[in-house]
Amino acid sequence: VLVHNHPTGCVKPSREDIQLTKRFARCCEIIGIDMLDHIIVGDGYRSLKEAGYL
């Protein structure tokens, strides 16, 4: 599980967040690790898995 914060409080994934998620997922796949989720924390949280990016 990858977790990072947005100091602004907005938990909407940026284009860079989405690209990073896809890159990490591919790297994990290559080495045989399951990437379970990428969570953005701010004023609440957002799961990129729930959002359909994983």
PDB file of N, CA and C in Angstrom:
ATOM      1  N   VAL A   1       0.859  -1.177   0.000  1.00  0.00           N
ATOM      2  CA  VAL A   1       0.000   0.000   0.000  1.00  0.00           C
ATOM      3  C   VAL A   1       0.900   1.233   0.000  1.00  0.00           C
ATOM      4  N   LEU A   2       0.653   2.105  -0.946  1.00  0.00           N
ATOM      5  CA  LEU A   2       1.369   3.374  -1.053  1.00  0.00           C
ATOM      6  C   LEU A   2       0.455   4.454  -0.484  1.00  0.00           C
ATOM      7  N   VAL A   3       1.000   5.285   0.403  1.00  0.00           N
ATOM      8  CA  VAL A   3       0.218   6.367   1.015  1.00  0.00           C
ATOM      9  C   VAL A   3       1.035   7.650   0.946  1.00  0.00           C
ATOM     10  N   HIS A   4       0.375   8.735   0.566  1.00  0.00           N
ATOM     11  CA  HIS A   4       1.030  10.044   0.654  1.00  0.00           C
ATOM     12  C   HIS A   4      -0.020  11.104   0.974  1.00  0.00           C
ATOM     13  N   ASN A   5       0.457  12.279   1.357  1.00  0.00           N
ATOM     14  CA  ASN A   5      -0.482  13.343   1.724  1.00  0.00           C
ATOM     15  C   ASN A   5      -0.470  14.471   0.699  1.00  0.00           C
ATOM     16  N   HIS A   6      -1.560  15.208   0.703  1.00  0.00           N
ATOM     17  CA  HIS A   6      -1.668  16.458  -0.044  1.00  0.00           C
ATOM     18  C   HIS A   6      -1.806  17.558   1.008  1.00  0.00           C
ATOM     19  N   PRO A   7      -0.769  18.352   1.230  1.00  0.00           N
ATOM     20  CA  PRO A   7      -0.813  19.392   2.257  1.00  0.00           C
ATOM     21  C   PRO A   7      -1.955  20.392   2.077  1.00  0.00           C
ATOM     22  N   THR A   8      -2.458  20.532   0.852  1.00  0.00           N
ATOM     23  CA  THR A   8      -3.568  21.461   0.621  1.00  0.00           C
ATOM     24  C   THR A   8      -4.870  20.940   1.210  1.00  0.00           C
ATOM     25  N   GLY A   9      -4.906  19.628   1.491  1.00  0.00           N
ATOM     26  CA  GLY A   9      -6.118  19.022   2.032  1.00  0.00           C
ATOM     27  C   GLY A   9      -6.997  18.384   0.977  1.00  0.00           C
ATOM     28  N   CYS A  10      -6.816  18.761  -0.279  1.00  0.00           N
ATOM     29  CA  CYS A  10      -7.611  18.201  -1.380  1.00  0.00           C
ATOM     30  C   CYS A  10      -7.127  16.780  -1.666  1.00  0.00           C
ATOM     31  N   VAL A  11      -8.044  15.825  -1.638  1.00  0.00           N
ATOM     32  CA  VAL A  11      -7.648  14.430  -1.857  1.00  0.00           C
ATOM     33  C   VAL A  11      -7.915  13.948  -3.286  1.00  0.00           C
ATOM     34  N   LYS A  12      -8.273  14.853  -4.162  1.00  0.00           N
ATOM     35  CA  LYS A  12      -8.471  14.484  -5.569  1.00  0.00           C
ATOM     36  C   LYS A  12      -7.115  14.114  -6.172  1.00  0.00           C
ATOM     37  N   PRO A  13      -7.022  12.936  -6.817  1.00  0.00           N
ATOM     38  CA  PRO A  13      -5.743  12.546  -7.406  1.00  0.00           C
ATOM     39  C   PRO A  13      -5.347  13.465  -8.565  1.00  0.00           C
ATOM     40  N   SER A  14      -4.100  13.896  -8.544  1.00  0.00           N
ATOM     41  CA  SER A  14      -3.582  14.704  -9.650  1.00  0.00           C
ATOM     42  C   SER A  14      -3.179  13.782 -10.799  1.00  0.00           C
ATOM     43  N   ARG A  15      -2.908  14.357 -11.929  1.00  0.00           N
ATOM     44  CA  ARG A  15      -2.432  13.576 -13.075  1.00  0.00           C
ATOM     45  C   ARG A  15      -1.149  12.839 -12.700  1.00  0.00           C
ATOM     46  N   GLU A  16      -0.281  13.517 -11.953  1.00  0.00           N
ATOM     47  CA  GLU A  16       0.971  12.903 -11.520  1.00  0.00           C
ATOM     48  C   GLU A  16       0.713  11.743 -10.561  1.00  0.00           C
ATOM     49  N   ASP A  17      -0.264  11.881  -9.670  1.00  0.00           N
ATOM     50  CA  ASP A  17      -0.615  10.789  -8.752  1.00  0.00           C
ATOM     51  C   ASP A  17      -1.054   9.554  -9.529  1.00  0.00           C
ATOM     52  N   ILE A  18      -1.860   9.762 -10.537  1.00  0.00           N
ATOM     53  CA  ILE A  18      -2.374   8.650 -11.347  1.00  0.00           C
ATOM     54  C   ILE A  18      -1.232   7.986 -12.117  1.00  0.00           C
ATOM     55  N   GLN A  19      -0.358   8.784 -12.700  1.00  0.00           N
ATOM     56  CA  GLN A  19       0.790   8.233 -13.429  1.00  0.00           C
ATOM     57  C   GLN A  19       1.698   7.446 -12.489  1.00  0.00           C
ATOM     58  N   LEU A  20       1.968   8.000 -11.312  1.00  0.00           N
ATOM     59  CA  LEU A  20       2.812   7.328 -10.324  1.00  0.00           C
ATOM     60  C   LEU A  20       2.192   6.004  -9.895  1.00  0.00           C
ATOM     61  N   THR A  21       0.893   6.003  -9.669  1.00  0.00           N
ATOM     62  CA  THR A  21       0.190   4.785  -9.277  1.00  0.00           C
ATOM     63  C   THR A  21       0.359   3.704 -10.334  1.00  0.00           C
ATOM     64  N   LYS A  22       0.182   4.062 -11.579  1.00  0.00           N
ATOM     65  CA  LYS A  22       0.311   3.083 -12.664  1.00  0.00           C
ATOM     66  C   LYS A  22       1.740   2.571 -12.786  1.00  0.00           C
ATOM     67  N   ARG A  23       2.723   3.451 -12.594  1.00  0.00           N
ATOM     68  CA  ARG A  23       4.132   3.026 -12.656  1.00  0.00           C
ATOM     69  C   ARG A  23       4.473   2.079 -11.513  1.00  0.00           C
ATOM     70  N   PHE A  24       4.056   2.443 -10.299  1.00  0.00           N
ATOM     71  CA  PHE A  24       4.311   1.573  -9.151  1.00  0.00           C
ATOM     72  C   PHE A  24       3.632   0.224  -9.331  1.00  0.00           C
ATOM     73  N   ALA A  25       2.405   0.215  -9.816  1.00  0.00           N
ATOM     74  CA  ALA A  25       1.677  -1.040 -10.022  1.00  0.00           C
ATOM     75  C   ALA A  25       2.416  -1.923 -11.021  1.00  0.00           C
ATOM     76  N   ARG A  26       2.926  -1.325 -12.082  1.00  0.00           N
ATOM     77  CA  ARG A  26       3.676  -2.094 -13.085  1.00  0.00           C
ATOM     78  C   ARG A  26       4.970  -2.639 -12.491  1.00  0.00           C
ATOM     79  N   CYS A  27       5.689  -1.823 -11.729  1.00  0.00           N
ATOM     80  CA  CYS A  27       6.926  -2.282 -11.081  1.00  0.00           C
ATOM     81  C   CYS A  27       6.638  -3.433 -10.120  1.00  0.00           C
ATOM     82  N   CYS A  28       5.590  -3.302  -9.348  1.00  0.00           N
ATOM     83  CA  CYS A  28       5.209  -4.368  -8.417  1.00  0.00           C
ATOM     84  C   CYS A  28       4.883  -5.649  -9.170  1.00  0.00           C
ATOM     85  N   GLU A  29       4.176  -5.517 -10.273  1.00  0.00           N
ATOM     86  CA  GLU A  29       3.823  -6.681 -11.089  1.00  0.00           C
ATOM     87  C   GLU A  29       5.077  -7.389 -11.603  1.00  0.00           C
ATOM     88  N   ILE A  30       6.043  -6.612 -12.053  1.00  0.00           N
ATOM     89  CA  ILE A  30       7.286  -7.172 -12.599  1.00  0.00           C
ATOM     90  C   ILE A  30       8.028  -7.995 -11.553  1.00  0.00           C
ATOM     91  N   ILE A  31       8.062  -7.507 -10.307  1.00  0.00           N
ATOM     92  CA  ILE A  31       8.812  -8.224  -9.269  1.00  0.00           C
ATOM     93  C   ILE A  31       7.936  -9.161  -8.437  1.00  0.00           C
ATOM     94  N   GLY A  32       6.678  -9.297  -8.808  1.00  0.00           N
ATOM     95  CA  GLY A  32       5.811 -10.274  -8.162  1.00  0.00           C
ATOM     96  C   GLY A  32       5.206  -9.857  -6.840  1.00  0.00           C
ATOM     97  N   ILE A  33       4.993  -8.562  -6.666  1.00  0.00           N
ATOM     98  CA  ILE A  33       4.374  -8.036  -5.442  1.00  0.00           C
ATOM     99  C   ILE A  33       3.001  -7.479  -5.795  1.00  0.00           C
ATOM    100  N   ASP A  34       2.007  -7.769  -4.953  1.00  0.00           N
ATOM    101  CA  ASP A  34       0.673  -7.206  -5.162  1.00  0.00           C
ATOM    102  C   ASP A  34       0.609  -5.800  -4.584  1.00  0.00           C
ATOM    103  N   MET A  35       0.295  -4.818  -5.411  1.00  0.00           N
ATOM    104  CA  MET A  35       0.057  -3.461  -4.925  1.00  0.00           C
ATOM    105  C   MET A  35      -1.425  -3.375  -4.593  1.00  0.00           C
ATOM    106  N   LEU A  36      -1.734  -3.260  -3.322  1.00  0.00           N
ATOM    107  CA  LEU A  36      -3.116  -3.327  -2.880  1.00  0.00           C
ATOM    108  C   LEU A  36      -3.871  -2.021  -3.053  1.00  0.00           C
ATOM    109  N   ASP A  37      -3.189  -0.895  -2.872  1.00  0.00           N
ATOM    110  CA  ASP A  37      -3.874   0.392  -2.969  1.00  0.00           C
ATOM    111  C   ASP A  37      -2.859   1.523  -2.962  1.00  0.00           C
ATOM    112  N   HIS A  38      -3.301   2.688  -3.342  1.00  0.00           N
ATOM    113  CA  HIS A  38      -2.570   3.951  -3.206  1.00  0.00           C
ATOM    114  C   HIS A  38      -3.577   4.912  -2.603  1.00  0.00           C
ATOM    115  N   ILE A  39      -3.251   5.420  -1.436  1.00  0.00           N
ATOM    116  CA  ILE A  39      -4.184   6.267  -0.695  1.00  0.00           C
ATOM    117  C   ILE A  39      -3.609   7.667  -0.564  1.00  0.00           C
ATOM    118  N   ILE A  40      -4.436   8.657  -0.859  1.00  0.00           N
ATOM    119  CA  ILE A  40      -4.072  10.060  -0.678  1.00  0.00           C
ATOM    120  C   ILE A  40      -4.780  10.551   0.580  1.00  0.00           C
ATOM    121  N   VAL A  41      -4.007  11.181   1.472  1.00  0.00           N
ATOM    122  CA  VAL A  41      -4.543  11.675   2.734  1.00  0.00           C
ATOM    123  C   VAL A  41      -4.506  13.198   2.722  1.00  0.00           C
ATOM    124  N   GLY A  42      -5.577  13.805   3.169  1.00  0.00           N
ATOM    125  CA  GLY A  42      -5.677  15.261   3.290  1.00  0.00           C
ATOM    126  C   GLY A  42      -6.822  15.547   4.224  1.00  0.00           C
ATOM    127  N   ASP A  43      -7.791  16.310   3.783  1.00  0.00           N
ATOM    128  CA  ASP A  43      -9.034  16.494   4.540  1.00  0.00           C
ATOM    129  C   ASP A  43      -9.913  15.288   4.219  1.00  0.00           C
ATOM    130  N   GLY A  44      -9.577  14.157   4.809  1.00  0.00           N
ATOM    131  CA  GLY A  44     -10.180  12.876   4.477  1.00  0.00           C
ATOM    132  C   GLY A  44      -9.154  12.042   3.735  1.00  0.00           C
ATOM    133  N   TYR A  45      -9.621  11.097   2.952  1.00  0.00           N
ATOM    134  CA  TYR A  45      -8.703  10.271   2.173  1.00  0.00           C
ATOM    135  C   TYR A  45      -9.377   9.842   0.879  1.00  0.00           C
ATOM    136  N   ARG A  46      -8.558   9.374  -0.052  1.00  0.00           N
ATOM    137  CA  ARG A  46      -9.064   8.869  -1.330  1.00  0.00           C
ATOM    138  C   ARG A  46      -8.267   7.626  -1.703  1.00  0.00           C
ATOM    139  N   SER A  47      -8.955   6.551  -1.969  1.00  0.00           N
ATOM    140  CA  SER A  47      -8.347   5.304  -2.420  1.00  0.00           C
ATOM    141  C   SER A  47      -8.338   5.291  -3.943  1.00  0.00           C
ATOM    142  N   LEU A  48      -7.159   5.173  -4.517  1.00  0.00           N
ATOM    143  CA  LEU A  48      -7.093   5.107  -5.973  1.00  0.00           C
ATOM    144  C   LEU A  48      -7.583   3.760  -6.486  1.00  0.00           C
ATOM    145  N   LYS A  49      -7.563   2.740  -5.644  1.00  0.00           N
ATOM    146  CA  LYS A  49      -8.164   1.458  -6.036  1.00  0.00           C
ATOM    147  C   LYS A  49      -9.675   1.624  -6.165  1.00  0.00           C
ATOM    148  N   GLU A  50     -10.299   2.238  -5.159  1.00  0.00           N
ATOM    149  CA  GLU A  50     -11.747   2.466  -5.206  1.00  0.00           C
ATOM    150  C   GLU A  50     -12.130   3.367  -6.377  1.00  0.00           C
ATOM    151  N   ALA A  51     -11.213   4.265  -6.750  1.00  0.00           N
ATOM    152  CA  ALA A  51     -11.474   5.186  -7.860  1.00  0.00           C
ATOM    153  C   ALA A  51     -11.252   4.522  -9.224  1.00  0.00           C
ATOM    154  N   GLY A  52     -10.754   3.278  -9.215  1.00  0.00           N
ATOM    155  CA  GLY A  52     -10.590   2.546 -10.462  1.00  0.00           C
ATOM    156  C   GLY A  52      -9.236   2.674 -11.137  1.00  0.00           C
ATOM    157  N   TYR A  53      -8.249   3.232 -10.448  1.00  0.00           N
ATOM    158  CA  TYR A  53      -6.928   3.397 -11.050  1.00  0.00           C
ATOM    159  C   TYR A  53      -6.019   2.201 -10.825  1.00  0.00           C
ATOM    160  N   LEU A  54      -6.456   1.243 -10.029  1.00  0.00           N
ATOM    161  CA  LEU A  54      -5.696   0.004  -9.791  1.00  0.00           C
ATOM    162  C   LEU A  54      -6.551  -1.175 -10.136  1.00  0.00           C
TER     163      LEU A  54
END
